[in-house]
Amino acid sequence: MAVETKAMDQMLALFGETGTLEELKEERVSLSLARGRVYEILSLVFSYPWNRKFFRPKSLLEPMDIIMVDEELWGELKSTVDGFSNYLPKMTIKQVQGEYIRVFGHAVSMECPPYEMQYGTEGGVQSQTDVLIQLGGFFETFGFELPRTQSKERIDHISNELSFMSYMCFRMAYGIQNGHDERKIGVLLSGMKKFIRNHVGRWMPLFCIFGSRKAERGLYKDVIDILSCFIKNEVTLLDVEPIKVEEPEYRSLSYSMENDLIANAPAECEPR
């Protein structure tokens, strides 16, 4: 006679939490909300800093404490967050904006572009354009609309991809909390895994290497270090193996007039 097995939450199992999905409902909601909150904070911090509300470092501590699997990574992250108090309160918004431009550039930085399309490997513009089509497909499928404050950026900007993942996490938390069919929640989880494997986990680790090198120290060096830790944690939590772009394979678009127009045409690239 077959033994009936009950579904378990594989992410919570990494924290030693066992039980049925219903028994772990509160923990599942908490984990999804915490992940969504971190994505939300990082999305804002990688957007252009229009005012001082762009980043509140200590707001990262509580959600990160919930989601970090590796204690050593958590220790590194907490140390980095604590370090912001040594210099961030002394920076004016003009200084922050100047640092943002220094690291990421006015248009598309050649050294650490914050746009996924710049990390195409082979196939030239065609393969890079495919990235925009894929992203538009994800956004449309799951009903995601770009935040009004970030809609001026092309859809493959790092802030928009992080915002999409935040939306997916919050939507998953809502579904669990309100007893939605687990098959629908499974579709959201599958979508997140694919997005990490084919997008976030594909290019952001290399972006972190480039960004850390360019920033050298200070605000964006520390923020990039946090993003790097977070992505590693997400890959572990979701149990995915990203298709990574390696540095020798990296190809950036040139600053020709034609390509500069492509890089700065958000209206044509946004999903309708």
Protein backbone atom coordinates (compact mmCIF):
# COMPACT_ATOMS: atom_id res chain seq x y z
CA MET A 1 0.00 0.00 0.00
CA ALA A 2 1.43 3.38 -1.03
CA VAL A 3 2.38 5.79 1.73
CA GLU A 4 0.91 9.27 1.24
CA THR A 5 3.51 12.01 1.38
CA LYS A 6 2.68 15.59 2.20
CA ALA A 7 4.28 18.53 0.40
CA MET A 8 6.91 20.50 2.29
CA ASP A 9 8.44 23.90 1.72
CA GLN A 10 11.92 23.30 0.32
CA MET A 11 13.17 26.80 1.19
CA LEU A 12 12.16 26.50 4.85
CA ALA A 13 13.73 23.04 4.96
CA LEU A 14 17.12 24.78 4.57
CA PHE A 15 16.46 26.43 7.93
CA GLY A 16 15.51 23.11 9.54
CA GLU A 17 11.78 23.88 9.45
CA THR A 18 9.70 20.74 8.88
CA GLY A 19 5.97 20.26 8.58
CA THR A 20 3.22 20.49 6.02
CA LEU A 21 2.60 23.58 3.93
CA GLU A 22 -0.41 24.43 6.07
CA GLU A 23 1.52 23.96 9.33
CA LEU A 24 4.26 26.26 8.06
CA LYS A 25 1.92 28.87 6.63
CA GLU A 26 3.09 31.70 8.90
CA GLU A 27 6.76 30.93 8.27
CA ARG A 28 6.21 30.75 4.51
CA VAL A 29 4.50 34.14 4.49
CA SER A 30 7.25 35.63 6.65
CA LEU A 31 10.00 34.32 4.37
CA SER A 32 8.32 35.59 1.22
CA LEU A 33 7.68 39.02 2.74
CA ALA A 34 11.29 39.28 3.95
CA ARG A 35 12.67 38.36 0.52
CA GLY A 36 10.31 40.83 -1.12
CA ARG A 37 11.37 43.58 1.25
CA VAL A 38 15.08 43.08 0.52
CA TYR A 39 14.44 43.14 -3.22
CA GLU A 40 12.38 46.30 -2.75
CA ILE A 41 15.11 48.07 -0.77
CA LEU A 42 17.83 47.09 -3.24
CA SER A 43 15.68 48.16 -6.18
CA LEU A 44 15.42 51.64 -4.67
CA VAL A 45 19.08 51.90 -3.79
CA PHE A 46 20.13 51.06 -7.37
CA SER A 47 17.76 53.69 -8.76
CA TYR A 48 18.97 57.25 -9.22
CA PRO A 49 18.95 58.87 -5.74
CA TRP A 50 16.54 61.79 -6.05
CA ASN A 51 16.28 62.38 -2.30
CA ARG A 52 17.57 61.06 1.01
CA LYS A 53 14.80 58.46 1.24
CA PHE A 54 16.56 56.35 -1.40
CA PHE A 55 18.22 54.16 1.25
CA ARG A 56 17.77 53.32 4.93
CA PRO A 57 20.53 50.74 5.63
CA LYS A 58 19.18 49.43 8.93
CA SER A 59 15.88 48.52 7.25
CA LEU A 60 17.80 45.62 5.69
CA LEU A 61 18.72 43.96 8.96
CA GLU A 62 15.39 42.43 9.98
CA PRO A 63 14.46 40.87 6.62
CA MET A 64 18.04 39.72 6.00
CA ASP A 65 18.11 38.07 9.41
CA ILE A 66 15.09 36.02 8.34
CA ILE A 67 16.33 34.92 4.92
CA MET A 68 20.10 34.36 5.22
CA VAL A 69 20.99 30.66 5.14
CA ASP A 70 24.76 30.98 5.62
CA GLU A 71 25.72 32.40 9.04
CA GLU A 72 29.09 33.56 7.73
CA LEU A 73 27.46 35.53 4.89
CA TRP A 74 25.00 37.00 7.41
CA GLY A 75 27.89 38.15 9.57
CA GLU A 76 29.60 39.84 6.61
CA LEU A 77 26.36 41.53 5.60
CA LYS A 78 25.58 42.81 9.08
CA SER A 79 29.08 44.23 9.37
CA THR A 80 28.63 46.06 6.06
CA VAL A 81 25.25 47.48 7.09
CA ASP A 82 26.63 48.65 10.43
CA GLY A 83 29.47 50.39 8.57
CA PHE A 84 27.13 52.77 6.70
CA SER A 85 26.69 54.78 9.89
CA ASN A 86 30.34 55.85 9.66
CA TYR A 87 29.83 57.93 6.53
CA LEU A 88 26.35 57.90 4.98
CA PRO A 89 24.73 60.42 7.42
CA LYS A 90 27.51 62.89 6.55
CA MET A 91 26.90 62.71 2.78
CA THR A 92 24.68 65.30 1.11
CA ILE A 93 22.26 64.12 -1.57
CA LYS A 94 24.43 65.91 -4.15
CA GLN A 95 27.41 63.84 -3.04
CA VAL A 96 25.36 60.66 -3.27
CA GLN A 97 24.17 61.59 -6.77
CA GLY A 98 27.74 62.37 -7.80
CA GLU A 99 28.89 58.99 -6.56
CA TYR A 100 26.05 57.24 -8.40
CA ILE A 101 27.06 58.93 -11.65
CA ARG A 102 30.77 58.22 -11.05
CA VAL A 103 30.12 54.49 -10.67
CA PHE A 104 27.25 53.86 -13.08
CA GLY A 105 27.61 56.75 -15.53
CA HIS A 106 25.18 59.31 -16.97
CA ALA A 107 24.08 57.02 -19.79
CA VAL A 108 25.42 53.46 -20.02
CA SER A 109 28.63 52.91 -18.07
CA MET A 110 31.19 50.96 -20.06
CA GLU A 111 32.82 49.67 -16.87
CA CYS A 112 29.79 48.38 -14.93
CA PRO A 113 26.58 48.89 -16.92
CA PRO A 114 23.45 48.44 -14.77
CA TYR A 115 21.53 47.08 -17.78
CA GLU A 116 21.26 43.37 -18.51
CA MET A 117 21.23 43.86 -22.27
CA GLN A 118 24.87 45.02 -22.13
CA TYR A 119 25.88 41.55 -20.90
CA GLY A 120 25.03 39.70 -24.12
CA THR A 121 27.68 37.18 -25.17
CA GLU A 122 27.33 36.15 -28.79
CA GLY A 123 24.91 37.30 -31.47
CA GLY A 124 25.43 41.05 -31.20
CA VAL A 125 22.45 43.37 -30.90
CA GLN A 126 19.97 40.66 -31.87
CA SER A 127 20.74 38.51 -28.82
CA GLN A 128 20.80 41.60 -26.61
CA THR A 129 17.42 42.70 -27.94
CA ASP A 130 16.11 39.23 -27.13
CA VAL A 131 16.79 40.03 -23.48
CA LEU A 132 14.27 42.88 -23.63
CA ILE A 133 11.71 40.62 -25.28
CA GLN A 134 12.18 37.95 -22.59
CA LEU A 135 11.87 40.48 -19.78
CA GLY A 136 8.75 41.98 -21.34
CA GLY A 137 7.30 38.48 -21.51
CA PHE A 138 7.95 37.86 -17.81
CA PHE A 139 6.47 41.21 -16.80
CA GLU A 140 3.36 40.78 -18.93
CA THR A 141 2.77 37.15 -17.92
CA PHE A 142 2.78 37.96 -14.20
CA GLY A 143 1.04 41.34 -14.46
CA PHE A 144 4.00 43.44 -13.32
CA GLU A 145 4.04 47.14 -14.11
CA LEU A 146 7.16 49.24 -13.74
CA PRO A 147 7.12 51.53 -10.67
CA ARG A 148 6.28 55.08 -11.73
CA THR A 149 9.53 56.39 -10.26
CA GLN A 150 11.57 53.88 -12.31
CA SER A 151 9.62 53.86 -15.57
CA LYS A 152 12.14 56.20 -17.21
CA GLU A 153 14.74 53.44 -17.11
CA ARG A 154 14.88 50.73 -19.73
CA ILE A 155 13.16 47.54 -18.55
CA ASP A 156 16.48 45.67 -18.20
CA HIS A 157 17.83 48.17 -15.65
CA ILE A 158 18.90 46.45 -12.44
CA SER A 159 16.35 48.39 -10.37
CA ASN A 160 13.48 47.13 -12.54
CA GLU A 161 14.56 43.49 -12.41
CA LEU A 162 14.92 43.68 -8.63
CA SER A 163 11.52 45.37 -8.42
CA PHE A 164 9.95 42.53 -10.42
CA MET A 165 11.35 39.97 -7.98
CA SER A 166 10.00 42.02 -5.08
CA TYR A 167 6.58 42.00 -6.71
CA MET A 168 6.75 38.22 -7.19
CA CYS A 169 7.69 37.62 -3.55
CA PHE A 170 4.91 39.87 -2.23
CA ARG A 171 2.42 38.25 -4.58
CA MET A 172 3.49 34.81 -3.34
CA ALA A 173 3.12 35.90 0.29
CA TYR A 174 -0.39 37.19 -0.47
CA GLY A 175 -1.33 33.91 -2.11
CA ILE A 176 -0.10 31.81 0.79
CA GLN A 177 -1.74 34.07 3.38
CA ASN A 178 -5.10 33.92 1.59
CA GLY A 179 -5.10 30.19 0.94
CA HIS A 180 -4.71 30.27 -2.83
CA ASP A 181 -4.34 27.00 -4.70
CA GLU A 182 -0.81 25.65 -4.22
CA ARG A 183 -0.57 25.05 -7.96
CA LYS A 184 -0.90 28.81 -8.53
CA ILE A 185 1.73 29.49 -5.88
CA GLY A 186 3.90 26.89 -7.59
CA VAL A 187 3.62 28.84 -10.85
CA LEU A 188 4.93 31.96 -9.07
CA LEU A 189 7.80 29.98 -7.53
CA SER A 190 8.67 28.44 -10.89
CA GLY A 191 8.63 31.90 -12.47
CA MET A 192 11.02 33.23 -9.83
CA LYS A 193 13.39 30.30 -10.34
CA LYS A 194 13.46 30.87 -14.09
CA PHE A 195 13.99 34.61 -13.64
CA ILE A 196 16.92 34.03 -11.28
CA ARG A 197 18.44 31.35 -13.52
CA ASN A 198 18.07 33.23 -16.82
CA HIS A 199 18.31 36.87 -15.72
CA VAL A 200 19.21 38.02 -12.17
CA GLY A 201 21.68 35.19 -11.55
CA ARG A 202 23.02 35.36 -15.09
CA TRP A 203 24.43 38.87 -15.15
CA MET A 204 24.26 40.47 -11.71
CA PRO A 205 27.20 38.50 -10.24
CA LEU A 206 29.41 39.92 -13.03
CA PHE A 207 27.84 43.36 -12.52
CA CYS A 208 28.87 43.09 -8.84
CA ILE A 209 32.47 42.30 -9.83
CA PHE A 210 32.61 45.25 -12.22
CA GLY A 211 30.78 47.58 -9.83
CA SER A 212 32.96 46.71 -6.86
CA ARG A 213 36.05 47.32 -8.98
CA LYS A 214 34.76 50.68 -10.21
CA ALA A 215 33.44 51.96 -6.86
CA GLU A 216 36.55 50.82 -4.93
CA ARG A 217 35.13 51.98 -1.60
CA GLY A 218 32.22 53.76 0.06
CA LEU A 219 28.46 53.72 -0.50
CA TYR A 220 28.09 51.83 -3.76
CA LYS A 221 30.94 49.43 -3.02
CA ASP A 222 29.11 48.44 0.17
CA VAL A 223 25.70 48.28 -1.52
CA ILE A 224 27.11 46.08 -4.29
CA ASP A 225 28.66 43.76 -1.68
CA ILE A 226 25.21 43.40 -0.09
CA LEU A 227 23.63 42.62 -3.46
CA SER A 228 26.29 39.99 -4.13
CA CYS A 229 25.59 38.26 -0.79
CA PHE A 230 21.85 38.43 -1.40
CA ILE A 231 22.04 36.88 -4.86
CA LYS A 232 24.16 34.01 -3.54
CA ASN A 233 21.52 33.45 -0.86
CA GLU A 234 18.67 33.53 -3.39
CA VAL A 235 20.42 30.97 -5.60
CA THR A 236 20.71 28.70 -2.56
CA LEU A 237 17.13 29.28 -1.38
CA LEU A 238 15.58 28.67 -4.78
CA ASP A 239 17.97 25.82 -5.60
CA VAL A 240 18.85 27.06 -9.08
CA GLU A 241 22.02 27.02 -11.14
CA PRO A 242 22.20 30.31 -13.08
CA ILE A 243 23.56 30.48 -16.61
CA LYS A 244 26.31 32.92 -15.69
CA VAL A 245 28.07 35.39 -17.94
CA GLU A 246 31.80 35.15 -17.25
CA GLU A 247 34.12 38.13 -17.53
CA PRO A 248 36.09 36.87 -20.59
CA GLU A 249 32.79 36.45 -22.45
CA TYR A 250 31.51 39.92 -21.59
CA ARG A 251 30.73 42.17 -24.53
CA SER A 252 29.63 45.75 -23.95
CA LEU A 253 27.94 47.91 -26.58
CA SER A 254 30.10 50.66 -28.04
CA TYR A 255 29.30 54.32 -27.66
CA SER A 256 28.39 54.71 -31.32
CA MET A 257 25.46 57.02 -32.00
CA GLU A 258 23.32 54.09 -33.17
CA ASN A 259 23.90 52.01 -30.06
CA ASP A 260 23.58 55.01 -27.77
CA LEU A 261 20.09 55.56 -29.18
CA ILE A 262 19.23 51.92 -28.51
CA ALA A 263 20.53 52.18 -24.94
CA ASN A 264 18.47 55.28 -24.18
CA ALA A 265 15.10 54.45 -25.72
CA PRO A 266 13.01 53.24 -22.77
CA ALA A 267 9.63 54.17 -24.24
CA GLU A 268 10.00 51.75 -27.15
CA CYS A 269 11.21 48.97 -24.88
CA GLU A 270 8.58 49.05 -22.15
CA PRO A 271 5.87 46.38 -22.23
CA ARG A 272 2.49 47.71 -23.32
